[in-house]
N, C-alpha and C. Protein backbone atom coordinates (compact mmCIF):
# COMPACT_ATOMS: atom_id res chain seq x y z
N UNK A 1 -4.38 -21.46 -17.68
CA UNK A 1 -4.42 -20.75 -16.05
C UNK A 1 -5.91 -20.25 -16.06
N UNK A 2 -6.79 -21.04 -15.77
CA UNK A 2 -8.15 -20.92 -15.63
C UNK A 2 -8.58 -21.04 -14.01
N UNK A 3 -9.44 -20.10 -13.89
CA UNK A 3 -10.03 -20.32 -12.53
C UNK A 3 -10.91 -21.68 -12.37
N UNK A 4 -11.30 -21.89 -11.02
CA UNK A 4 -12.39 -23.11 -10.80
C UNK A 4 -13.27 -23.01 -11.80
N UNK A 5 -14.09 -21.69 -12.16
CA UNK A 5 -15.09 -21.62 -12.61
C UNK A 5 -14.80 -21.88 -14.15
N UNK A 6 -13.80 -22.05 -14.73
CA UNK A 6 -13.33 -22.53 -16.07
C UNK A 6 -13.68 -21.21 -16.75
N UNK A 7 -13.30 -20.15 -16.37
CA UNK A 7 -13.52 -18.76 -17.28
C UNK A 7 -12.14 -17.85 -17.02
N UNK A 8 -11.80 -16.99 -17.77
CA UNK A 8 -10.72 -16.23 -17.68
C UNK A 8 -10.69 -15.63 -16.36
N UNK A 9 -9.68 -15.22 -15.72
CA UNK A 9 -9.46 -14.32 -14.65
C UNK A 9 -9.68 -12.79 -15.22
N UNK A 10 -10.88 -12.01 -14.58
CA UNK A 10 -11.13 -10.87 -15.13
C UNK A 10 -10.14 -9.94 -14.25
N UNK A 11 -9.22 -9.18 -14.93
CA UNK A 11 -8.49 -8.16 -14.40
C UNK A 11 -8.51 -6.62 -14.56
N UNK A 12 -8.32 -6.03 -13.62
CA UNK A 12 -8.31 -4.33 -13.79
C UNK A 12 -7.03 -4.05 -13.48
N UNK A 13 -6.30 -2.86 -13.92
CA UNK A 13 -5.09 -2.25 -13.58
C UNK A 13 -5.35 -0.80 -13.07
N UNK A 14 -5.16 -0.56 -11.85
CA UNK A 14 -5.24 0.71 -11.48
C UNK A 14 -3.65 1.21 -10.98
N UNK A 15 -3.11 2.09 -12.12
CA UNK A 15 -1.80 2.68 -11.90
C UNK A 15 -1.63 4.00 -12.66
N UNK A 16 -0.99 5.01 -12.12
CA UNK A 16 -1.04 6.22 -12.86
C UNK A 16 0.23 6.42 -13.65
N UNK A 17 1.09 5.40 -13.92
CA UNK A 17 2.12 5.36 -14.71
C UNK A 17 1.13 4.57 -16.17
N UNK A 18 0.99 5.63 -17.27
CA UNK A 18 0.36 5.21 -18.33
C UNK A 18 1.08 4.16 -18.96
N UNK A 19 2.31 4.37 -19.28
CA UNK A 19 3.05 3.64 -20.21
C UNK A 19 3.21 2.21 -19.52
N UNK A 20 3.23 2.17 -18.29
CA UNK A 20 3.30 0.99 -17.67
C UNK A 20 2.02 0.16 -17.73
N UNK A 21 0.89 0.84 -17.38
CA UNK A 21 -0.43 0.16 -17.22
C UNK A 21 -0.64 -0.39 -18.73
N UNK A 22 -0.42 0.50 -19.67
CA UNK A 22 -0.65 0.11 -21.23
C UNK A 22 -0.09 -1.25 -21.48
N UNK A 23 1.42 -1.12 -21.03
CA UNK A 23 2.16 -2.23 -21.67
C UNK A 23 1.84 -3.46 -20.77
N UNK A 24 1.63 -3.26 -19.55
CA UNK A 24 1.13 -4.72 -18.93
C UNK A 24 -0.28 -5.10 -19.19
N UNK A 25 -1.19 -4.09 -19.80
CA UNK A 25 -2.39 -4.51 -20.13
C UNK A 25 -2.30 -5.40 -21.45
N UNK A 26 -1.51 -4.81 -22.45
CA UNK A 26 -1.30 -5.68 -23.77
C UNK A 26 -0.59 -6.63 -23.16
N UNK A 27 0.10 -7.10 -22.56
CA UNK A 27 0.87 -8.17 -22.15
C UNK A 27 0.03 -9.24 -21.51
N UNK A 28 -0.80 -8.72 -20.49
CA UNK A 28 -1.61 -9.72 -19.90
C UNK A 28 -2.89 -10.10 -20.77
N UNK A 29 -3.40 -9.18 -21.71
CA UNK A 29 -4.01 -9.82 -22.60
C UNK A 29 -4.02 -10.79 -23.46
N UNK A 30 -2.63 -10.95 -23.80
CA UNK A 30 -2.13 -12.02 -24.57
C UNK A 30 -1.90 -13.41 -23.70
N UNK A 31 -2.21 -13.32 -22.43
CA UNK A 31 -1.91 -14.28 -21.68
C UNK A 31 -3.27 -15.31 -21.63
N UNK A 32 -3.12 -16.71 -21.64
CA UNK A 32 -4.09 -17.55 -21.60
C UNK A 32 -4.99 -17.53 -20.40
N UNK A 33 -6.24 -17.26 -20.41
CA UNK A 33 -6.96 -17.61 -19.08
C UNK A 33 -7.05 -16.33 -18.18
N UNK A 34 -6.46 -15.07 -18.94
CA UNK A 34 -6.66 -13.59 -18.45
C UNK A 34 -7.46 -12.89 -19.25
N UNK A 35 -8.15 -11.93 -18.69
CA UNK A 35 -8.96 -10.77 -19.47
C UNK A 35 -8.86 -9.69 -18.80
N UNK A 36 -8.35 -8.49 -19.36
CA UNK A 36 -8.22 -7.37 -18.97
C UNK A 36 -9.58 -6.64 -19.25
N UNK A 37 -10.12 -6.15 -18.07
CA UNK A 37 -11.34 -5.38 -18.23
C UNK A 37 -11.28 -3.88 -18.14
N UNK A 38 -10.06 -3.27 -17.89
CA UNK A 38 -9.99 -1.90 -17.99
C UNK A 38 -8.75 -1.46 -16.95
N UNK A 39 -8.60 0.00 -17.32
CA UNK A 39 -7.50 0.41 -16.65
C UNK A 39 -7.85 2.02 -16.00
N UNK A 40 -7.45 2.45 -14.98
CA UNK A 40 -7.55 3.63 -14.32
C UNK A 40 -6.19 4.41 -13.85
N UNK A 41 -6.22 5.45 -13.92
CA UNK A 41 -4.96 6.16 -13.50
C UNK A 41 -4.82 6.87 -12.41
N UNK A 42 -5.99 6.89 -11.50
CA UNK A 42 -5.98 7.42 -9.95
C UNK A 42 -6.94 6.64 -9.19
N UNK A 43 -7.08 7.00 -7.85
CA UNK A 43 -7.99 6.02 -6.96
C UNK A 43 -9.35 6.07 -7.13
N UNK A 44 -9.82 7.20 -7.47
CA UNK A 44 -11.43 7.48 -7.56
C UNK A 44 -11.72 7.00 -8.85
N UNK A 45 -10.96 7.11 -9.88
CA UNK A 45 -11.33 6.31 -11.24
C UNK A 45 -11.22 4.78 -10.86
N UNK A 46 -10.31 4.34 -10.25
CA UNK A 46 -9.93 2.88 -9.84
C UNK A 46 -11.39 2.32 -9.14
N UNK A 47 -11.74 3.25 -8.19
CA UNK A 47 -12.97 2.80 -7.65
C UNK A 47 -14.09 2.52 -8.42
N UNK A 48 -14.67 3.48 -9.03
CA UNK A 48 -15.64 3.57 -10.08
C UNK A 48 -15.53 2.19 -11.09
N UNK A 49 -14.17 2.19 -11.60
CA UNK A 49 -13.95 0.88 -12.61
C UNK A 49 -14.05 -0.33 -11.93
N UNK A 50 -13.73 -0.43 -10.60
CA UNK A 50 -14.18 -1.80 -10.11
C UNK A 50 -15.63 -2.05 -9.66
N UNK A 51 -16.13 -0.83 -9.35
CA UNK A 51 -17.69 -0.78 -9.26
C UNK A 51 -18.63 -1.34 -10.46
N UNK A 52 -17.93 -0.75 -11.53
CA UNK A 52 -18.61 -0.97 -12.82
C UNK A 52 -18.11 -2.30 -13.59
N UNK A 53 -17.11 -2.52 -13.62
CA UNK A 53 -16.64 -3.89 -14.21
C UNK A 53 -16.82 -5.16 -13.24
N UNK A 54 -16.58 -5.04 -11.94
CA UNK A 54 -16.72 -5.98 -10.96
C UNK A 54 -15.82 -7.17 -11.36
N UNK A 55 -14.32 -6.87 -11.41
CA UNK A 55 -13.56 -7.73 -11.77
C UNK A 55 -13.05 -9.00 -10.74
N UNK A 56 -12.65 -9.99 -11.23
CA UNK A 56 -12.27 -10.91 -10.14
C UNK A 56 -10.84 -10.69 -9.27
N UNK A 57 -10.11 -9.64 -10.05
CA UNK A 57 -8.84 -9.17 -9.32
C UNK A 57 -8.63 -7.76 -9.82
N UNK A 58 -7.93 -6.95 -8.82
CA UNK A 58 -7.46 -5.70 -9.25
C UNK A 58 -6.03 -5.35 -8.93
N UNK A 59 -5.15 -5.17 -9.93
CA UNK A 59 -3.81 -4.96 -9.64
C UNK A 59 -3.73 -3.35 -9.31
N UNK A 60 -3.31 -3.10 -8.10
CA UNK A 60 -3.46 -1.76 -7.57
C UNK A 60 -1.99 -1.15 -7.29
N UNK A 61 -1.56 -0.12 -7.58
CA UNK A 61 -0.20 0.65 -7.15
C UNK A 61 -0.75 1.25 -5.84
N UNK A 62 0.42 1.76 -4.97
CA UNK A 62 0.12 2.24 -3.86
C UNK A 62 0.07 3.74 -4.09
N UNK A 63 1.11 4.38 -4.68
CA UNK A 63 0.99 5.87 -4.99
C UNK A 63 0.04 6.24 -6.00
N UNK A 64 -1.19 6.58 -5.65
CA UNK A 64 -2.08 6.94 -6.74
C UNK A 64 -2.46 8.46 -6.67
N UNK A 65 -3.17 9.09 -7.44
CA UNK A 65 -3.62 10.47 -7.26
C UNK A 65 -4.93 10.43 -6.74
N UNK A 66 -5.53 11.43 -6.17
CA UNK A 66 -6.68 11.58 -5.57
C UNK A 66 -7.25 10.58 -4.52
N UNK A 67 -6.62 9.16 -4.60
CA UNK A 67 -7.01 8.33 -3.47
C UNK A 67 -5.69 7.55 -3.39
N UNK A 68 -5.11 7.28 -2.31
CA UNK A 68 -3.93 6.49 -2.16
C UNK A 68 -4.21 4.90 -2.17
N UNK A 69 -3.42 4.23 -2.87
CA UNK A 69 -3.79 2.85 -3.34
C UNK A 69 -4.17 1.99 -2.16
N UNK A 70 -3.69 2.20 -0.99
CA UNK A 70 -3.97 1.45 0.19
C UNK A 70 -5.42 1.81 0.71
N UNK A 71 -5.64 2.97 0.64
CA UNK A 71 -7.02 3.59 1.07
C UNK A 71 -8.01 3.03 0.00
N UNK A 72 -7.68 2.96 -1.19
CA UNK A 72 -8.56 2.41 -2.27
C UNK A 72 -8.72 0.93 -1.84
N UNK A 73 -7.75 0.05 -1.33
CA UNK A 73 -8.02 -1.38 -1.22
C UNK A 73 -8.95 -1.48 -0.20
N UNK A 74 -8.79 -0.68 0.80
CA UNK A 74 -9.87 -0.99 2.08
C UNK A 74 -11.14 -0.53 1.45
N UNK A 75 -11.32 0.53 0.82
CA UNK A 75 -12.84 0.88 0.36
C UNK A 75 -13.33 -0.36 -0.55
N UNK A 76 -12.34 -0.82 -1.38
CA UNK A 76 -12.87 -1.96 -2.40
C UNK A 76 -13.28 -3.12 -1.61
N UNK A 77 -12.50 -3.39 -0.47
CA UNK A 77 -12.88 -4.99 0.16
C UNK A 77 -14.24 -4.63 1.05
N UNK A 78 -14.41 -3.36 1.37
CA UNK A 78 -15.76 -3.20 2.23
C UNK A 78 -16.78 -3.32 1.36
N UNK A 79 -16.75 -3.05 0.18
CA UNK A 79 -17.86 -2.58 -0.83
C UNK A 79 -17.75 -4.02 -1.74
N UNK A 80 -16.75 -4.65 -2.22
CA UNK A 80 -16.89 -5.77 -3.06
C UNK A 80 -16.05 -6.85 -2.27
N UNK A 81 -16.61 -7.49 -1.39
CA UNK A 81 -15.74 -8.43 -0.59
C UNK A 81 -15.12 -9.43 -1.42
N UNK A 82 -15.64 -9.99 -2.18
CA UNK A 82 -15.15 -11.00 -3.03
C UNK A 82 -13.98 -10.66 -4.19
N UNK A 83 -13.77 -9.43 -4.36
CA UNK A 83 -12.76 -8.91 -5.07
C UNK A 83 -11.41 -9.25 -4.57
N UNK A 84 -10.40 -9.72 -5.13
CA UNK A 84 -9.09 -10.14 -5.16
C UNK A 84 -8.22 -8.85 -5.15
N UNK A 85 -7.29 -8.43 -4.25
CA UNK A 85 -6.36 -7.46 -4.69
C UNK A 85 -4.94 -7.88 -4.40
N UNK A 86 -4.25 -7.41 -5.56
CA UNK A 86 -2.97 -7.59 -5.75
C UNK A 86 -2.16 -6.43 -5.85
N UNK A 87 -1.35 -5.97 -4.67
CA UNK A 87 -0.73 -4.60 -4.63
C UNK A 87 0.58 -4.87 -5.57
N UNK A 88 0.90 -3.97 -6.55
CA UNK A 88 2.13 -4.07 -7.40
C UNK A 88 2.87 -2.59 -7.14
N UNK A 89 3.88 -2.58 -6.50
CA UNK A 89 4.38 -1.44 -6.39
C UNK A 89 6.09 -1.42 -6.16
N UNK A 90 6.80 -0.24 -6.32
CA UNK A 90 8.15 -0.06 -6.38
C UNK A 90 8.56 0.46 -5.00
N UNK A 91 7.44 0.47 -3.93
CA UNK A 91 7.98 0.93 -2.52
C UNK A 91 8.17 -0.31 -1.77
N UNK A 92 9.28 -0.49 -1.31
CA UNK A 92 9.58 -1.47 -0.37
C UNK A 92 10.06 -1.17 0.90
N UNK A 93 9.80 0.05 1.34
CA UNK A 93 10.22 0.43 2.73
C UNK A 93 9.71 -0.11 3.82
N UNK A 94 9.98 -0.16 4.98
CA UNK A 94 9.18 -0.91 5.93
C UNK A 94 7.90 -0.17 6.33
N UNK A 95 7.85 1.01 6.13
CA UNK A 95 6.25 1.79 6.38
C UNK A 95 5.40 1.41 5.41
N UNK A 96 5.61 1.34 4.15
CA UNK A 96 4.77 0.95 3.09
C UNK A 96 4.38 -0.84 3.19
N UNK A 97 5.33 -1.48 3.57
CA UNK A 97 5.35 -2.88 3.74
C UNK A 97 4.34 -3.12 4.77
N UNK A 98 4.64 -2.56 6.01
CA UNK A 98 3.63 -2.47 7.18
C UNK A 98 2.14 -1.95 6.61
N UNK A 99 2.00 -1.11 5.73
CA UNK A 99 0.86 -0.40 5.46
C UNK A 99 -0.02 -1.49 4.50
N UNK A 100 0.72 -2.26 3.79
CA UNK A 100 0.11 -3.24 3.01
C UNK A 100 -0.35 -4.61 3.96
N UNK A 101 0.53 -4.87 4.84
CA UNK A 101 0.16 -5.94 5.74
C UNK A 101 -1.06 -5.54 6.60
N UNK A 102 -1.47 -4.18 6.50
CA UNK A 102 -2.65 -3.86 7.53
C UNK A 102 -3.91 -3.40 6.26
N UNK A 103 -3.52 -3.74 4.95
CA UNK A 103 -4.67 -3.08 4.42
C UNK A 103 -5.94 -4.24 3.87
N UNK A 104 -5.47 -5.50 4.16
CA UNK A 104 -6.43 -6.57 3.84
C UNK A 104 -6.00 -6.87 2.46
N UNK A 105 -5.13 -6.57 1.67
CA UNK A 105 -4.73 -6.94 0.41
C UNK A 105 -4.36 -8.58 0.21
N UNK A 106 -4.48 -9.00 -0.64
CA UNK A 106 -4.20 -10.48 -0.70
C UNK A 106 -2.99 -10.97 -1.30
N UNK A 107 -2.14 -9.88 -2.04
CA UNK A 107 -0.68 -10.14 -2.37
C UNK A 107 -0.09 -8.76 -2.64
N UNK A 108 1.34 -9.18 -2.78
CA UNK A 108 2.21 -7.90 -3.14
C UNK A 108 3.29 -8.41 -3.96
N UNK A 109 3.60 -7.83 -5.07
CA UNK A 109 4.62 -7.99 -5.88
C UNK A 109 5.48 -6.57 -6.23
N UNK A 110 6.57 -6.81 -6.57
CA UNK A 110 7.42 -5.33 -6.87
C UNK A 110 7.15 -5.11 -8.43
N UNK A 111 7.15 -3.92 -8.47
CA UNK A 111 7.03 -3.65 -10.06
C UNK A 111 8.48 -4.17 -11.13
N UNK A 112 9.35 -4.46 -10.29
CA UNK A 112 10.84 -4.79 -10.90
C UNK A 112 10.79 -6.38 -10.96
N UNK A 113 9.35 -6.84 -10.90
CA UNK A 113 9.27 -8.58 -10.80
C UNK A 113 9.41 -8.87 -11.98
N UNK A 114 10.00 -10.11 -12.52
CA UNK A 114 9.81 -10.85 -13.75
C UNK A 114 8.25 -10.95 -14.15
N UNK A 115 7.92 -10.87 -15.43
CA UNK A 115 6.61 -11.06 -15.58
C UNK A 115 6.03 -12.53 -15.29
N UNK A 116 6.98 -13.51 -15.29
CA UNK A 116 6.39 -14.84 -14.89
C UNK A 116 6.08 -14.77 -13.35
N UNK A 117 6.47 -14.12 -12.72
CA UNK A 117 6.41 -13.81 -11.22
C UNK A 117 4.96 -12.98 -10.89
N UNK A 118 4.63 -12.01 -11.95
CA UNK A 118 3.48 -11.43 -11.62
C UNK A 118 2.26 -12.42 -12.17
N UNK A 119 2.61 -13.17 -13.39
CA UNK A 119 1.63 -13.94 -13.60
C UNK A 119 1.21 -15.33 -12.67
N UNK A 120 2.54 -15.50 -11.77
CA UNK A 120 2.20 -16.43 -10.77
C UNK A 120 1.39 -15.73 -9.52
N UNK A 121 1.67 -14.43 -9.31
CA UNK A 121 1.17 -13.98 -8.39
C UNK A 121 -0.52 -13.94 -8.74
N UNK A 122 -0.63 -13.51 -9.70
CA UNK A 122 -2.16 -13.25 -10.15
C UNK A 122 -3.02 -14.39 -10.06
N UNK A 123 -2.34 -15.69 -10.80
CA UNK A 123 -3.06 -16.94 -10.77
C UNK A 123 -3.42 -17.37 -9.11
N UNK A 124 -2.08 -16.89 -8.40
CA UNK A 124 -2.48 -17.58 -6.88
C UNK A 124 -3.59 -16.65 -6.26
N UNK A 125 -3.48 -15.49 -6.52
CA UNK A 125 -4.41 -14.54 -5.67
C UNK A 125 -5.95 -14.71 -6.16
N UNK A 126 -6.14 -14.99 -7.62
CA UNK A 126 -7.46 -15.16 -8.11
C UNK A 126 -7.94 -16.66 -7.39
N UNK A 127 -7.06 -17.39 -7.32
CA UNK A 127 -7.43 -18.63 -6.85
C UNK A 127 -7.91 -18.79 -5.41
N UNK A 128 -7.78 -17.75 -4.61
CA UNK A 128 -8.03 -17.67 -3.09
C UNK A 128 -6.78 -17.79 -2.53
N UNK A 129 -5.60 -17.96 -2.64
CA UNK A 129 -4.40 -17.82 -2.27
C UNK A 129 -3.56 -16.75 -1.99
N UNK A 130 -3.14 -16.18 -0.79
CA UNK A 130 -2.09 -15.31 -0.60
C UNK A 130 -1.06 -15.15 -1.45
N UNK A 131 -0.14 -14.21 -1.97
CA UNK A 131 1.11 -14.26 -2.67
C UNK A 131 1.69 -13.01 -2.19
N UNK A 132 2.88 -13.15 -1.47
CA UNK A 132 3.69 -12.01 -0.93
C UNK A 132 4.83 -12.44 -1.23
N UNK A 133 5.61 -11.35 -2.12
CA UNK A 133 6.67 -11.64 -2.54
C UNK A 133 7.96 -11.93 -1.49
N UNK A 134 8.99 -12.66 -1.80
CA UNK A 134 10.17 -12.77 -0.94
C UNK A 134 10.70 -11.40 -0.20
N UNK A 135 10.75 -10.54 -0.94
CA UNK A 135 11.26 -9.17 -0.50
C UNK A 135 10.10 -8.49 0.61
N UNK A 136 9.13 -8.67 0.20
CA UNK A 136 7.74 -8.40 1.28
C UNK A 136 8.11 -9.17 2.53
N UNK A 137 8.40 -10.43 2.55
CA UNK A 137 8.25 -11.16 3.59
C UNK A 137 9.61 -10.80 4.32
N UNK A 138 10.70 -10.55 3.68
CA UNK A 138 11.90 -10.32 4.24
C UNK A 138 12.06 -9.07 4.99
N UNK A 139 11.50 -7.99 4.35
CA UNK A 139 11.35 -6.73 5.13
C UNK A 139 10.36 -6.69 6.38
N UNK A 140 9.28 -7.53 6.37
CA UNK A 140 8.30 -7.90 7.27
C UNK A 140 8.78 -8.56 8.39
N UNK A 141 9.65 -9.57 8.01
CA UNK A 141 10.44 -10.24 9.10
C UNK A 141 11.51 -9.60 9.75
N UNK A 142 12.37 -9.03 9.05
CA UNK A 142 13.59 -8.49 9.49
C UNK A 142 13.57 -7.04 10.15
N UNK A 143 12.60 -6.32 9.45
CA UNK A 143 12.36 -4.76 10.12
C UNK A 143 11.06 -4.86 11.09
N UNK A 144 10.07 -5.07 10.66
CA UNK A 144 8.92 -5.06 11.60
C UNK A 144 8.86 -5.81 12.85
N UNK A 145 9.67 -6.76 12.97
CA UNK A 145 9.60 -7.46 14.23
C UNK A 145 10.84 -6.98 15.06
N UNK A 146 11.27 -6.15 14.71
CA UNK A 146 12.30 -5.82 15.60
C UNK A 146 11.44 -4.80 16.77
N UNK A 147 12.24 -4.90 18.03
CA UNK A 147 11.48 -4.41 19.20
C UNK A 147 11.41 -2.70 19.12
N UNK A 148 12.42 -2.11 18.16
CA UNK A 148 12.36 -0.65 18.23
C UNK A 148 11.56 -0.20 16.87
N UNK A 149 10.69 -1.13 16.18
CA UNK A 149 10.07 -1.02 15.10
C UNK A 149 8.75 0.16 15.56
N UNK A 150 8.46 0.98 14.58
CA UNK A 150 7.58 2.09 14.99
C UNK A 150 6.11 1.44 15.33
N UNK A 151 5.97 0.25 14.56
CA UNK A 151 4.65 -0.27 14.63
C UNK A 151 4.45 -1.15 15.81
N UNK A 152 5.43 -1.27 16.66
CA UNK A 152 5.75 -1.94 18.01
C UNK A 152 5.87 -0.73 19.02
N UNK A 153 6.34 0.12 18.71
CA UNK A 153 6.84 1.44 19.86
C UNK A 153 5.52 2.27 19.95
N UNK A 154 5.30 2.66 18.82
CA UNK A 154 4.17 3.98 19.02
C UNK A 154 2.73 3.51 18.83
N UNK A 155 2.02 4.06 19.35
CA UNK A 155 0.44 3.97 18.96
C UNK A 155 -0.03 4.49 17.54
N UNK A 156 -1.09 4.34 17.21
CA UNK A 156 -1.54 4.40 15.80
C UNK A 156 -1.57 6.16 15.65
N UNK A 157 -2.02 6.71 16.81
CA UNK A 157 -2.14 8.30 16.73
C UNK A 157 -0.61 8.77 16.78
N UNK A 158 0.42 8.38 17.59
CA UNK A 158 1.75 8.71 17.59
C UNK A 158 2.40 8.74 15.93
N UNK A 159 1.89 7.56 15.37
CA UNK A 159 2.50 7.24 14.06
C UNK A 159 1.94 8.34 13.11
N UNK A 160 0.63 8.82 13.35
CA UNK A 160 0.01 9.67 12.51
C UNK A 160 1.09 11.09 12.52
N UNK A 161 1.16 11.37 14.05
CA UNK A 161 1.96 12.68 14.25
C UNK A 161 3.11 12.54 13.62
N UNK A 162 4.03 11.48 13.87
CA UNK A 162 5.28 11.16 13.38
C UNK A 162 5.56 11.45 11.94
N UNK A 163 4.64 10.46 10.95
CA UNK A 163 4.70 10.83 9.66
C UNK A 163 4.62 12.33 9.35
N UNK A 164 3.82 13.23 9.99
CA UNK A 164 3.69 14.81 9.44
C UNK A 164 4.88 15.30 9.96
N UNK A 165 5.61 14.91 11.06
CA UNK A 165 6.58 15.63 11.58
C UNK A 165 7.78 15.50 10.64
N UNK A 166 7.97 14.23 10.00
CA UNK A 166 8.92 13.94 9.26
C UNK A 166 8.81 14.70 7.94
N UNK A 167 7.46 14.83 7.54
CA UNK A 167 7.11 15.64 6.34
C UNK A 167 7.53 16.91 6.47
N UNK A 168 7.83 17.51 7.55
CA UNK A 168 8.18 18.90 7.90
C UNK A 168 7.01 19.75 8.40
N UNK A 169 5.84 19.21 8.87
CA UNK A 169 4.65 19.82 9.21
C UNK A 169 5.07 20.57 10.57
N UNK A 170 4.48 21.75 10.84
CA UNK A 170 4.55 22.33 12.26
C UNK A 170 3.62 21.84 12.96
N UNK A 171 3.58 22.07 14.20
CA UNK A 171 2.55 21.55 15.20
C UNK A 171 1.10 22.20 14.96
N UNK A 172 1.20 23.29 14.48
CA UNK A 172 -0.10 24.10 14.05
C UNK A 172 -0.80 23.32 12.76
N UNK A 173 -0.02 23.13 11.98
CA UNK A 173 -0.81 22.36 10.92
C UNK A 173 -1.25 20.96 11.21
N UNK A 174 -0.43 20.12 11.87
CA UNK A 174 -0.55 18.84 12.32
C UNK A 174 -1.88 18.77 13.45
N UNK A 175 -1.86 20.02 14.22
CA UNK A 175 -3.34 20.16 14.99
C UNK A 175 -4.20 20.21 14.01
N UNK A 176 -4.28 20.99 12.88
CA UNK A 176 -5.62 21.35 12.29
C UNK A 176 -6.12 20.00 11.41
N UNK A 177 -4.97 19.41 10.87
CA UNK A 177 -5.22 18.16 10.02
C UNK A 177 -5.64 17.10 10.82
N UNK A 178 -5.21 16.91 12.01
CA UNK A 178 -5.68 15.81 12.83
C UNK A 178 -6.88 16.02 13.82
N UNK A 179 -7.22 17.39 13.70
CA UNK A 179 -8.23 17.76 14.80
C UNK A 179 -7.86 17.53 16.21
N UNK A 180 -6.71 18.20 16.65
CA UNK A 180 -6.60 17.80 18.15
C UNK A 180 -5.60 19.05 18.53
N UNK A 181 -5.63 19.51 19.84
CA UNK A 181 -5.13 20.44 20.26
C UNK A 181 -3.55 20.56 20.18
N UNK A 182 -3.20 21.90 20.26
CA UNK A 182 -1.68 22.21 20.10
C UNK A 182 -0.79 21.39 21.24
N UNK A 183 -1.59 21.51 22.33
CA UNK A 183 -0.71 20.89 23.51
C UNK A 183 -0.80 19.37 23.38
N UNK A 184 -1.96 18.94 22.68
CA UNK A 184 -1.97 17.48 22.58
C UNK A 184 -0.65 16.88 21.57
N UNK A 185 -0.63 17.70 20.38
CA UNK A 185 0.40 17.40 19.51
C UNK A 185 1.73 17.40 20.18
N UNK A 186 1.97 18.30 20.94
CA UNK A 186 3.25 18.76 21.78
C UNK A 186 3.57 17.39 22.58
N UNK A 187 2.46 17.01 23.25
CA UNK A 187 2.63 15.63 24.15
C UNK A 187 2.84 14.64 23.36
N UNK A 188 2.24 14.32 22.34
CA UNK A 188 2.45 13.07 21.32
C UNK A 188 4.05 13.26 20.84
N UNK A 189 4.45 14.48 20.35
CA UNK A 189 5.79 14.42 19.87
C UNK A 189 6.79 14.12 21.22
N UNK A 190 6.47 14.65 22.17
CA UNK A 190 7.45 14.32 23.55
C UNK A 190 7.45 12.95 23.59
N UNK A 191 6.26 12.16 23.70
CA UNK A 191 6.17 10.46 23.99
C UNK A 191 6.70 10.01 22.95
N UNK A 192 6.80 10.48 21.68
CA UNK A 192 7.33 9.77 20.38
C UNK A 192 9.05 9.75 20.76
N UNK A 193 9.50 10.84 21.04
CA UNK A 193 10.96 11.34 21.37
C UNK A 193 11.31 10.10 22.47
N UNK A 194 10.51 10.18 23.47
CA UNK A 194 11.03 9.32 24.80
C UNK A 194 10.80 7.80 24.51
N UNK A 195 9.77 7.59 23.71
CA UNK A 195 9.77 6.02 23.15
C UNK A 195 10.91 5.43 22.29
N UNK A 196 11.33 6.45 21.34
CA UNK A 196 12.21 5.98 20.34
C UNK A 196 13.58 6.34 20.76
N UNK A 197 13.74 6.87 22.01
CA UNK A 197 15.08 7.30 22.51
C UNK A 197 15.71 8.29 21.91
N UNK A 198 15.03 9.22 21.13
CA UNK A 198 15.77 10.25 20.39
C UNK A 198 15.66 11.64 21.24
N UNK A 199 16.60 12.40 20.92
CA UNK A 199 16.75 13.63 21.75
C UNK A 199 16.50 15.09 21.06
N UNK A 200 16.46 14.98 19.66
CA UNK A 200 16.39 15.98 18.72
C UNK A 200 15.60 15.88 17.45
N UNK A 201 15.10 16.92 16.85
CA UNK A 201 14.59 16.51 15.62
C UNK A 201 15.40 16.05 14.43
N UNK A 202 16.64 16.23 14.51
CA UNK A 202 17.50 15.71 13.42
C UNK A 202 17.22 14.07 13.79
N UNK A 203 17.46 13.64 14.88
CA UNK A 203 17.49 12.21 15.04
C UNK A 203 16.12 11.63 14.89
N UNK A 204 15.09 12.43 15.01
CA UNK A 204 13.63 12.03 14.82
C UNK A 204 13.62 11.85 13.32
N UNK A 205 13.96 12.71 12.50
CA UNK A 205 13.90 12.66 11.08
C UNK A 205 14.66 11.69 10.56
N UNK A 206 16.01 11.43 11.29
CA UNK A 206 16.81 10.22 10.85
C UNK A 206 16.13 8.89 10.97
N UNK A 207 15.27 8.72 12.05
CA UNK A 207 14.61 7.73 12.36
C UNK A 207 13.26 7.37 11.25
N UNK A 208 12.58 8.37 10.95
CA UNK A 208 11.55 8.44 9.88
C UNK A 208 12.03 7.99 8.48
N UNK A 209 13.22 8.41 8.27
CA UNK A 209 13.42 8.30 6.97
C UNK A 209 14.08 6.82 7.10
N UNK A 210 14.78 6.42 7.98
CA UNK A 210 15.39 4.83 7.88
C UNK A 210 14.18 3.87 7.98
N UNK A 211 12.94 4.19 8.27
CA UNK A 211 11.86 3.29 8.44
C UNK A 211 10.71 3.60 7.12
N UNK A 212 11.20 4.60 6.33
CA UNK A 212 10.27 4.86 5.24
C UNK A 212 9.23 5.80 5.73
N UNK A 213 8.92 6.47 6.78
CA UNK A 213 8.13 7.25 7.18
C UNK A 213 7.99 8.41 6.19
N UNK A 214 9.09 8.82 5.70
CA UNK A 214 9.07 10.14 4.82
C UNK A 214 8.33 9.93 3.38
N UNK A 215 7.99 8.58 3.19
CA UNK A 215 7.08 8.22 2.17
C UNK A 215 5.68 8.03 1.98
N UNK A 216 5.33 8.50 3.48
CA UNK A 216 3.68 8.59 3.77
C UNK A 216 2.97 9.38 2.71
N UNK A 217 1.90 8.82 2.41
CA UNK A 217 0.94 9.69 1.53
C UNK A 217 0.16 10.36 2.49
N UNK A 218 0.27 11.84 2.48
CA UNK A 218 -0.56 12.68 3.37
C UNK A 218 -1.74 13.29 2.70
């Protein structure tokens, strides 16, 4: 499993689950054509690791301390445009699948995938090909293409307000965090209800949970 350069694929692992990261590191280190260059347990440490090691590929979890994995992905792609990014996560809800699709990542595999699948994904992504799991494609096609999907119905700003409403934030906190007037928050909230066809907070929260918006990292 060598790249076109005839050298091992240099990989870093960015995941806050220490046991998983160490187990994965040991296993990948035994695979022909792969060299593990380091591990990091949070987004900030992952950014520093990639800047120092300059690997071919970074395996990145979504939910990371200090810096969200998909925010990290965007930073890395702007700083290290040749770096290949493979998201490895247990998050398979529509919201996070949509976030991955918007992040610029080159692939996605579930943490529950077989080792052979992960190895196949690493090989493909390192070789310059996209690799998105069947589950990723299924969620993307079956959920995110629906006319009532949040990404089709709501503006980006409305999505930002909605995930905070679903998280239980009041309008004052949303106003402060997003830097908008209280009246603007109220307008967005009313527009969200109108666009989604819901009439009360209970239905709004139910919609958010159905689409995985309650799992947003704020």
